[in-house]
Amino acid sequence: MNKIDNYFQDFEHYLTPLPKTEKQNIVNELKDHFLSMINDEMQQGLAENVAIEKVIDEFPPPKEHAKQYISMHTEPLYDVQVDFGFRYMLALAIMGLAEMALLFVKDELHFILAAIGFIMFIAGNNLVFRKSHWNRDNIKQLY
C-alpha cells in the first residue's frame, strides 16, 4: 500500500490549482478505482504486491495524470478580474514599513517621517487584513 500512498500523495500535490473540495473528490474517486482494480487482480490470483505494481503501471505518472484532470476543469482556476485595490492596500502597508526602516539607515531623517510611516503601516495592515478583503483569490494574485 505504500506505493499507492506515494502515488496519491504526488497526484494530490500536482492537483494543487484545483479547488480543495474538487481535488479531494478526484483523489477519493481515483483511490476507490485503484483499490477495486487491485482487488480484481488479486481475485485473478496475483499477489498483492504484483497487483499493485500492475495497476500503478497501467496509469500515467502522477504529474501527467493530474494535468489531464486540470485540463478537464471547466471553471476558471483564477478569477480573471484583478483586485488592484488589494494590491494598493498591501503596498501601503509595505511602504509604511519601509519608511520606518529608513530611520535605521539615515540618522538625519525626522521623527515625523517615522510617524507617517507608522501610520501608513497600521492603516495598510488594517485595510489588508480586514476579513472582507482577505480571500483566496487576492492571495493568488500576489504570485
N, C-alpha and C. Protein backbone atom coordinates (compact mmCIF):
# COMPACT_ATOMS: atom_id res chain seq x y z
N MET A 1 0.82 -1.20 0.00
CA MET A 1 0.00 0.00 0.00
C MET A 1 0.86 1.26 0.00
N ASN A 2 2.12 1.14 0.37
CA ASN A 2 2.98 2.31 0.44
C ASN A 2 3.16 2.95 -0.93
N LYS A 3 3.26 2.13 -1.98
CA LYS A 3 3.41 2.66 -3.33
C LYS A 3 2.16 3.42 -3.76
N ILE A 4 1.02 2.92 -3.36
CA ILE A 4 -0.23 3.62 -3.67
C ILE A 4 -0.29 4.95 -2.93
N ASP A 5 0.09 4.95 -1.67
CA ASP A 5 0.09 6.19 -0.90
C ASP A 5 1.04 7.21 -1.51
N ASN A 6 2.21 6.77 -1.94
CA ASN A 6 3.16 7.67 -2.59
C ASN A 6 2.59 8.23 -3.89
N TYR A 7 1.95 7.36 -4.66
CA TYR A 7 1.34 7.80 -5.93
C TYR A 7 0.30 8.89 -5.66
N PHE A 8 -0.57 8.64 -4.69
CA PHE A 8 -1.65 9.59 -4.43
C PHE A 8 -1.15 10.86 -3.74
N GLN A 9 -0.10 10.75 -2.98
CA GLN A 9 0.48 11.95 -2.38
C GLN A 9 1.03 12.87 -3.48
N ASP A 10 1.74 12.28 -4.43
CA ASP A 10 2.25 13.07 -5.56
C ASP A 10 1.11 13.59 -6.42
N PHE A 11 0.14 12.73 -6.68
CA PHE A 11 -1.01 13.11 -7.51
C PHE A 11 -1.75 14.29 -6.89
N GLU A 12 -2.00 14.22 -5.60
CA GLU A 12 -2.71 15.31 -4.91
C GLU A 12 -1.89 16.60 -4.93
N HIS A 13 -0.58 16.47 -4.81
CA HIS A 13 0.28 17.66 -4.88
C HIS A 13 0.16 18.35 -6.23
N TYR A 14 0.11 17.60 -7.30
CA TYR A 14 0.03 18.18 -8.64
C TYR A 14 -1.37 18.72 -8.95
N LEU A 15 -2.36 18.35 -8.17
CA LEU A 15 -3.71 18.89 -8.35
C LEU A 15 -3.92 20.20 -7.59
N THR A 16 -2.88 20.79 -7.07
CA THR A 16 -2.98 21.98 -6.24
C THR A 16 -3.79 23.11 -6.86
N PRO A 17 -3.72 23.39 -8.17
CA PRO A 17 -4.50 24.51 -8.71
C PRO A 17 -6.02 24.34 -8.60
N LEU A 18 -6.49 23.12 -8.43
CA LEU A 18 -7.93 22.89 -8.34
C LEU A 18 -8.46 23.28 -6.97
N PRO A 19 -9.76 23.61 -6.89
CA PRO A 19 -10.36 23.87 -5.57
C PRO A 19 -10.24 22.65 -4.67
N LYS A 20 -10.14 22.91 -3.38
CA LYS A 20 -9.86 21.85 -2.41
C LYS A 20 -10.89 20.73 -2.43
N THR A 21 -12.18 21.08 -2.49
CA THR A 21 -13.21 20.04 -2.47
C THR A 21 -13.17 19.19 -3.73
N GLU A 22 -12.96 19.84 -4.87
CA GLU A 22 -12.90 19.08 -6.11
C GLU A 22 -11.68 18.17 -6.13
N LYS A 23 -10.57 18.69 -5.63
CA LYS A 23 -9.34 17.89 -5.57
C LYS A 23 -9.57 16.66 -4.70
N GLN A 24 -10.20 16.84 -3.55
CA GLN A 24 -10.45 15.73 -2.64
C GLN A 24 -11.39 14.70 -3.28
N ASN A 25 -12.41 15.18 -4.00
CA ASN A 25 -13.33 14.26 -4.67
C ASN A 25 -12.61 13.43 -5.74
N ILE A 26 -11.74 14.07 -6.50
CA ILE A 26 -10.99 13.36 -7.54
C ILE A 26 -10.10 12.30 -6.92
N VAL A 27 -9.39 12.67 -5.86
CA VAL A 27 -8.48 11.73 -5.20
C VAL A 27 -9.25 10.55 -4.62
N ASN A 28 -10.36 10.82 -3.94
CA ASN A 28 -11.15 9.73 -3.35
C ASN A 28 -11.71 8.80 -4.42
N GLU A 29 -12.21 9.37 -5.50
CA GLU A 29 -12.76 8.55 -6.58
C GLU A 29 -11.68 7.68 -7.21
N LEU A 30 -10.51 8.26 -7.44
CA LEU A 30 -9.43 7.51 -8.05
C LEU A 30 -8.89 6.43 -7.11
N LYS A 31 -8.85 6.72 -5.80
CA LYS A 31 -8.42 5.70 -4.84
C LYS A 31 -9.36 4.50 -4.86
N ASP A 32 -10.66 4.79 -4.89
CA ASP A 32 -11.63 3.69 -4.95
C ASP A 32 -11.42 2.86 -6.22
N HIS A 33 -11.18 3.55 -7.33
CA HIS A 33 -10.95 2.85 -8.59
C HIS A 33 -9.68 1.99 -8.51
N PHE A 34 -8.62 2.55 -7.94
CA PHE A 34 -7.36 1.81 -7.77
C PHE A 34 -7.59 0.56 -6.94
N LEU A 35 -8.24 0.74 -5.79
CA LEU A 35 -8.44 -0.40 -4.89
C LEU A 35 -9.31 -1.48 -5.52
N SER A 36 -10.33 -1.08 -6.28
CA SER A 36 -11.16 -2.09 -6.94
C SER A 36 -10.36 -2.83 -8.02
N MET A 37 -9.50 -2.12 -8.73
CA MET A 37 -8.67 -2.78 -9.74
C MET A 37 -7.68 -3.74 -9.08
N ILE A 38 -7.12 -3.35 -7.94
CA ILE A 38 -6.20 -4.23 -7.22
C ILE A 38 -6.93 -5.47 -6.74
N ASN A 39 -8.14 -5.30 -6.21
CA ASN A 39 -8.93 -6.45 -5.77
C ASN A 39 -9.24 -7.38 -6.93
N ASP A 40 -9.57 -6.82 -8.10
CA ASP A 40 -9.84 -7.65 -9.27
C ASP A 40 -8.61 -8.46 -9.66
N GLU A 41 -7.45 -7.83 -9.63
CA GLU A 41 -6.21 -8.53 -9.98
C GLU A 41 -5.90 -9.62 -8.96
N MET A 42 -6.16 -9.34 -7.69
CA MET A 42 -5.89 -10.34 -6.64
C MET A 42 -6.86 -11.51 -6.76
N GLN A 43 -8.09 -11.26 -7.19
CA GLN A 43 -9.05 -12.34 -7.38
C GLN A 43 -8.66 -13.24 -8.55
N GLN A 44 -7.90 -12.68 -9.47
CA GLN A 44 -7.42 -13.48 -10.59
C GLN A 44 -6.18 -14.28 -10.23
N GLY A 45 -5.73 -14.15 -8.97
CA GLY A 45 -4.64 -14.99 -8.49
C GLY A 45 -3.30 -14.30 -8.34
N LEU A 46 -3.23 -13.01 -8.57
CA LEU A 46 -1.96 -12.31 -8.40
C LEU A 46 -1.73 -11.96 -6.93
N ALA A 47 -0.46 -11.91 -6.55
CA ALA A 47 -0.12 -11.48 -5.19
C ALA A 47 -0.40 -9.98 -5.07
N GLU A 48 -0.54 -9.54 -3.83
CA GLU A 48 -0.91 -8.13 -3.60
C GLU A 48 0.13 -7.17 -4.19
N ASN A 49 1.41 -7.44 -3.94
CA ASN A 49 2.46 -6.55 -4.46
C ASN A 49 2.47 -6.51 -5.99
N VAL A 50 2.29 -7.66 -6.60
CA VAL A 50 2.27 -7.72 -8.07
C VAL A 50 1.05 -7.00 -8.61
N ALA A 51 -0.08 -7.16 -7.94
CA ALA A 51 -1.31 -6.48 -8.37
C ALA A 51 -1.16 -4.96 -8.26
N ILE A 52 -0.55 -4.51 -7.18
CA ILE A 52 -0.34 -3.07 -7.00
C ILE A 52 0.57 -2.53 -8.10
N GLU A 53 1.66 -3.24 -8.37
CA GLU A 53 2.59 -2.81 -9.42
C GLU A 53 1.89 -2.75 -10.78
N LYS A 54 1.09 -3.77 -11.06
CA LYS A 54 0.41 -3.83 -12.35
C LYS A 54 -0.57 -2.67 -12.51
N VAL A 55 -1.33 -2.37 -11.46
CA VAL A 55 -2.31 -1.29 -11.53
C VAL A 55 -1.61 0.06 -11.66
N ILE A 56 -0.55 0.27 -10.91
CA ILE A 56 0.18 1.54 -10.99
C ILE A 56 0.80 1.72 -12.38
N ASP A 57 1.28 0.63 -12.97
CA ASP A 57 1.87 0.71 -14.31
C ASP A 57 0.83 1.04 -15.38
N GLU A 58 -0.44 0.70 -15.12
CA GLU A 58 -1.49 0.98 -16.10
C GLU A 58 -1.84 2.46 -16.16
N PHE A 59 -1.55 3.19 -15.10
CA PHE A 59 -1.88 4.61 -15.05
C PHE A 59 -0.66 5.45 -15.41
N PRO A 60 -0.90 6.66 -15.93
CA PRO A 60 0.25 7.54 -16.22
C PRO A 60 0.89 8.03 -14.92
N PRO A 61 2.09 8.58 -15.00
CA PRO A 61 2.72 9.14 -13.80
C PRO A 61 1.82 10.21 -13.16
N PRO A 62 1.96 10.43 -11.86
CA PRO A 62 1.05 11.35 -11.17
C PRO A 62 0.99 12.75 -11.79
N LYS A 63 2.12 13.26 -12.25
CA LYS A 63 2.13 14.62 -12.81
C LYS A 63 1.29 14.69 -14.08
N GLU A 64 1.46 13.72 -14.97
CA GLU A 64 0.69 13.70 -16.22
C GLU A 64 -0.78 13.45 -15.94
N HIS A 65 -1.04 12.57 -15.00
CA HIS A 65 -2.42 12.25 -14.65
C HIS A 65 -3.13 13.48 -14.09
N ALA A 66 -2.45 14.23 -13.24
CA ALA A 66 -3.04 15.45 -12.67
C ALA A 66 -3.27 16.49 -13.76
N LYS A 67 -2.34 16.59 -14.72
CA LYS A 67 -2.52 17.55 -15.81
C LYS A 67 -3.77 17.24 -16.61
N GLN A 68 -4.08 15.96 -16.78
CA GLN A 68 -5.29 15.57 -17.50
C GLN A 68 -6.54 16.08 -16.77
N TYR A 69 -6.56 15.93 -15.46
CA TYR A 69 -7.71 16.40 -14.68
C TYR A 69 -7.80 17.92 -14.69
N ILE A 70 -6.67 18.58 -14.61
CA ILE A 70 -6.68 20.05 -14.61
C ILE A 70 -7.16 20.57 -15.96
N SER A 71 -6.76 19.92 -17.04
CA SER A 71 -7.19 20.36 -18.37
C SER A 71 -8.69 20.14 -18.57
N MET A 72 -9.28 19.17 -17.88
CA MET A 72 -10.72 18.92 -17.98
C MET A 72 -11.53 19.87 -17.10
N HIS A 73 -10.87 20.60 -16.24
CA HIS A 73 -11.56 21.51 -15.32
C HIS A 73 -12.23 22.61 -16.13
N THR A 74 -13.54 22.78 -15.98
CA THR A 74 -14.29 23.71 -16.82
C THR A 74 -14.32 25.13 -16.27
N GLU A 75 -14.34 25.29 -14.96
CA GLU A 75 -14.39 26.62 -14.38
C GLU A 75 -13.00 27.25 -14.42
N PRO A 76 -12.93 28.58 -14.53
CA PRO A 76 -11.60 29.21 -14.49
C PRO A 76 -10.96 28.99 -13.13
N LEU A 77 -9.66 28.67 -13.14
CA LEU A 77 -8.97 28.39 -11.89
C LEU A 77 -8.74 29.64 -11.07
N TYR A 78 -8.55 30.76 -11.75
CA TYR A 78 -8.32 32.02 -11.06
C TYR A 78 -9.31 33.04 -11.58
N ASP A 79 -9.72 33.92 -10.72
CA ASP A 79 -10.62 34.98 -11.12
C ASP A 79 -9.90 35.89 -12.10
N VAL A 80 -10.55 36.18 -13.22
CA VAL A 80 -9.91 36.97 -14.26
C VAL A 80 -9.76 38.42 -13.82
N GLN A 81 -10.73 38.93 -13.07
CA GLN A 81 -10.65 40.31 -12.62
C GLN A 81 -9.63 40.42 -11.49
N VAL A 82 -8.73 41.38 -11.66
CA VAL A 82 -7.70 41.61 -10.66
C VAL A 82 -8.17 42.72 -9.74
N ASP A 83 -8.09 42.49 -8.46
CA ASP A 83 -8.49 43.49 -7.48
C ASP A 83 -7.27 44.35 -7.16
N PHE A 84 -7.12 45.45 -7.91
CA PHE A 84 -5.96 46.31 -7.70
C PHE A 84 -6.03 47.02 -6.36
N GLY A 85 -7.22 47.21 -5.82
CA GLY A 85 -7.35 47.84 -4.51
C GLY A 85 -6.60 47.05 -3.44
N PHE A 86 -6.69 45.74 -3.51
CA PHE A 86 -6.00 44.90 -2.55
C PHE A 86 -4.49 45.10 -2.66
N ARG A 87 -4.00 45.17 -3.88
CA ARG A 87 -2.57 45.37 -4.08
C ARG A 87 -2.12 46.73 -3.56
N TYR A 88 -2.94 47.75 -3.78
CA TYR A 88 -2.58 49.09 -3.30
C TYR A 88 -2.57 49.13 -1.78
N MET A 89 -3.54 48.47 -1.16
CA MET A 89 -3.57 48.43 0.31
C MET A 89 -2.35 47.70 0.85
N LEU A 90 -1.99 46.61 0.20
CA LEU A 90 -0.80 45.87 0.62
C LEU A 90 0.46 46.70 0.41
N ALA A 91 0.51 47.43 -0.70
CA ALA A 91 1.66 48.30 -0.95
C ALA A 91 1.75 49.40 0.10
N LEU A 92 0.60 49.92 0.54
CA LEU A 92 0.59 50.95 1.58
C LEU A 92 1.23 50.42 2.86
N ALA A 93 0.88 49.21 3.23
CA ALA A 93 1.46 48.62 4.44
C ALA A 93 2.96 48.40 4.29
N ILE A 94 3.38 47.91 3.15
CA ILE A 94 4.81 47.64 2.94
C ILE A 94 5.61 48.93 2.85
N MET A 95 5.05 49.95 2.18
CA MET A 95 5.76 51.23 2.08
C MET A 95 5.89 51.89 3.45
N GLY A 96 4.85 51.76 4.27
CA GLY A 96 4.95 52.31 5.63
C GLY A 96 6.05 51.65 6.43
N LEU A 97 6.15 50.35 6.30
CA LEU A 97 7.21 49.61 6.99
C LEU A 97 8.59 50.01 6.45
N ALA A 98 8.69 50.19 5.14
CA ALA A 98 9.96 50.60 4.54
C ALA A 98 10.35 52.00 4.99
N GLU A 99 9.36 52.89 5.10
CA GLU A 99 9.67 54.25 5.54
C GLU A 99 10.16 54.26 6.98
N MET A 100 9.58 53.42 7.81
CA MET A 100 10.06 53.33 9.20
C MET A 100 11.47 52.75 9.23
N ALA A 101 11.76 51.83 8.32
CA ALA A 101 13.09 51.21 8.29
C ALA A 101 14.16 52.20 7.84
N LEU A 102 13.77 53.24 7.11
CA LEU A 102 14.74 54.25 6.68
C LEU A 102 15.40 54.94 7.86
N LEU A 103 14.71 55.03 8.98
CA LEU A 103 15.27 55.68 10.15
C LEU A 103 16.52 54.96 10.66
N PHE A 104 16.58 53.67 10.44
CA PHE A 104 17.76 52.91 10.87
C PHE A 104 18.95 53.15 9.95
N VAL A 105 18.67 53.54 8.71
CA VAL A 105 19.73 53.77 7.73
C VAL A 105 20.25 55.20 7.80
N LYS A 106 19.34 56.16 7.86
CA LYS A 106 19.70 57.58 7.87
C LYS A 106 19.31 58.19 9.21
N ASP A 107 20.28 58.70 9.93
CA ASP A 107 20.00 59.31 11.23
C ASP A 107 19.40 60.70 11.09
N GLU A 108 19.59 61.35 9.93
CA GLU A 108 19.12 62.71 9.76
C GLU A 108 17.61 62.80 9.58
N LEU A 109 16.97 61.70 9.24
CA LEU A 109 15.53 61.74 9.00
C LEU A 109 14.79 62.07 10.28
N HIS A 110 13.71 62.75 10.11
CA HIS A 110 12.95 63.27 11.23
C HIS A 110 12.03 62.22 11.84
N PHE A 111 11.64 62.51 13.05
CA PHE A 111 10.67 61.67 13.74
C PHE A 111 9.33 61.71 13.03
N ILE A 112 9.02 62.80 12.36
CA ILE A 112 7.74 62.94 11.65
C ILE A 112 7.64 61.88 10.55
N LEU A 113 8.74 61.63 9.85
CA LEU A 113 8.73 60.59 8.82
C LEU A 113 8.44 59.22 9.42
N ALA A 114 8.98 58.97 10.58
CA ALA A 114 8.71 57.69 11.25
C ALA A 114 7.25 57.60 11.63
N ALA A 115 6.69 58.70 12.09
CA ALA A 115 5.27 58.70 12.47
C ALA A 115 4.40 58.47 11.24
N ILE A 116 4.73 59.12 10.13
CA ILE A 116 3.97 58.92 8.90
C ILE A 116 4.09 57.46 8.44
N GLY A 117 5.30 56.92 8.49
CA GLY A 117 5.50 55.52 8.12
C GLY A 117 4.71 54.57 9.01
N PHE A 118 4.69 54.86 10.31
CA PHE A 118 3.94 54.03 11.24
C PHE A 118 2.45 54.09 10.93
N ILE A 119 1.94 55.29 10.65
CA ILE A 119 0.52 55.45 10.32
C ILE A 119 0.20 54.71 9.03
N MET A 120 1.07 54.83 8.02
CA MET A 120 0.85 54.11 6.76
C MET A 120 0.85 52.60 6.99
N PHE A 121 1.77 52.13 7.80
CA PHE A 121 1.86 50.70 8.08
C PHE A 121 0.61 50.19 8.79
N ILE A 122 0.17 50.91 9.81
CA ILE A 122 -1.03 50.50 10.56
C ILE A 122 -2.26 50.58 9.66
N ALA A 123 -2.40 51.66 8.90
CA ALA A 123 -3.57 51.81 8.03
C ALA A 123 -3.57 50.72 6.95
N GLY A 124 -2.43 50.47 6.35
CA GLY A 124 -2.36 49.43 5.32
C GLY A 124 -2.69 48.06 5.87
N ASN A 125 -2.15 47.73 7.03
CA ASN A 125 -2.45 46.43 7.65
C ASN A 125 -3.92 46.33 8.01
N ASN A 126 -4.48 47.41 8.52
CA ASN A 126 -5.89 47.40 8.88
C ASN A 126 -6.75 47.15 7.65
N LEU A 127 -6.42 47.79 6.54
CA LEU A 127 -7.19 47.61 5.31
C LEU A 127 -7.00 46.22 4.71
N VAL A 128 -5.77 45.74 4.72
CA VAL A 128 -5.48 44.45 4.08
C VAL A 128 -6.06 43.29 4.87
N PHE A 129 -5.90 43.32 6.18
CA PHE A 129 -6.25 42.15 6.97
C PHE A 129 -7.68 42.16 7.48
N ARG A 130 -8.48 43.12 7.04
CA ARG A 130 -9.90 43.03 7.37
C ARG A 130 -10.47 41.82 6.65
N LYS A 131 -11.41 41.19 7.26
CA LYS A 131 -11.94 39.94 6.72
C LYS A 131 -12.54 40.13 5.32
N SER A 132 -13.13 41.28 5.04
CA SER A 132 -13.78 41.47 3.74
C SER A 132 -12.78 41.53 2.59
N HIS A 133 -11.52 41.84 2.88
CA HIS A 133 -10.54 41.93 1.82
C HIS A 133 -9.62 40.72 1.77
N TRP A 134 -9.72 39.83 2.68
CA TRP A 134 -8.78 38.72 2.80
C TRP A 134 -9.44 37.46 2.26
N ASN A 135 -9.17 37.12 1.01
CA ASN A 135 -9.72 35.90 0.46
C ASN A 135 -8.69 35.22 -0.44
N ARG A 136 -8.99 34.02 -0.84
CA ARG A 136 -8.04 33.19 -1.57
C ARG A 136 -7.67 33.79 -2.93
N ASP A 137 -8.64 34.43 -3.60
CA ASP A 137 -8.35 34.99 -4.92
C ASP A 137 -7.34 36.13 -4.82
N ASN A 138 -7.45 36.94 -3.77
CA ASN A 138 -6.49 38.04 -3.61
C ASN A 138 -5.09 37.51 -3.34
N ILE A 139 -4.99 36.45 -2.58
CA ILE A 139 -3.68 35.87 -2.29
C ILE A 139 -3.06 35.31 -3.57
N LYS A 140 -3.87 34.68 -4.42
CA LYS A 140 -3.35 34.10 -5.66
C LYS A 140 -2.84 35.17 -6.61
N GLN A 141 -3.35 36.41 -6.48
CA GLN A 141 -2.89 37.48 -7.35
C GLN A 141 -1.47 37.90 -7.04
N LEU A 142 -1.00 37.62 -5.84
CA LEU A 142 0.31 38.10 -5.43
C LEU A 142 1.45 37.30 -6.04
N TYR A 143 1.17 36.09 -6.52
CA TYR A 143 2.25 35.32 -7.14
C TYR A 143 1.91 34.93 -8.54
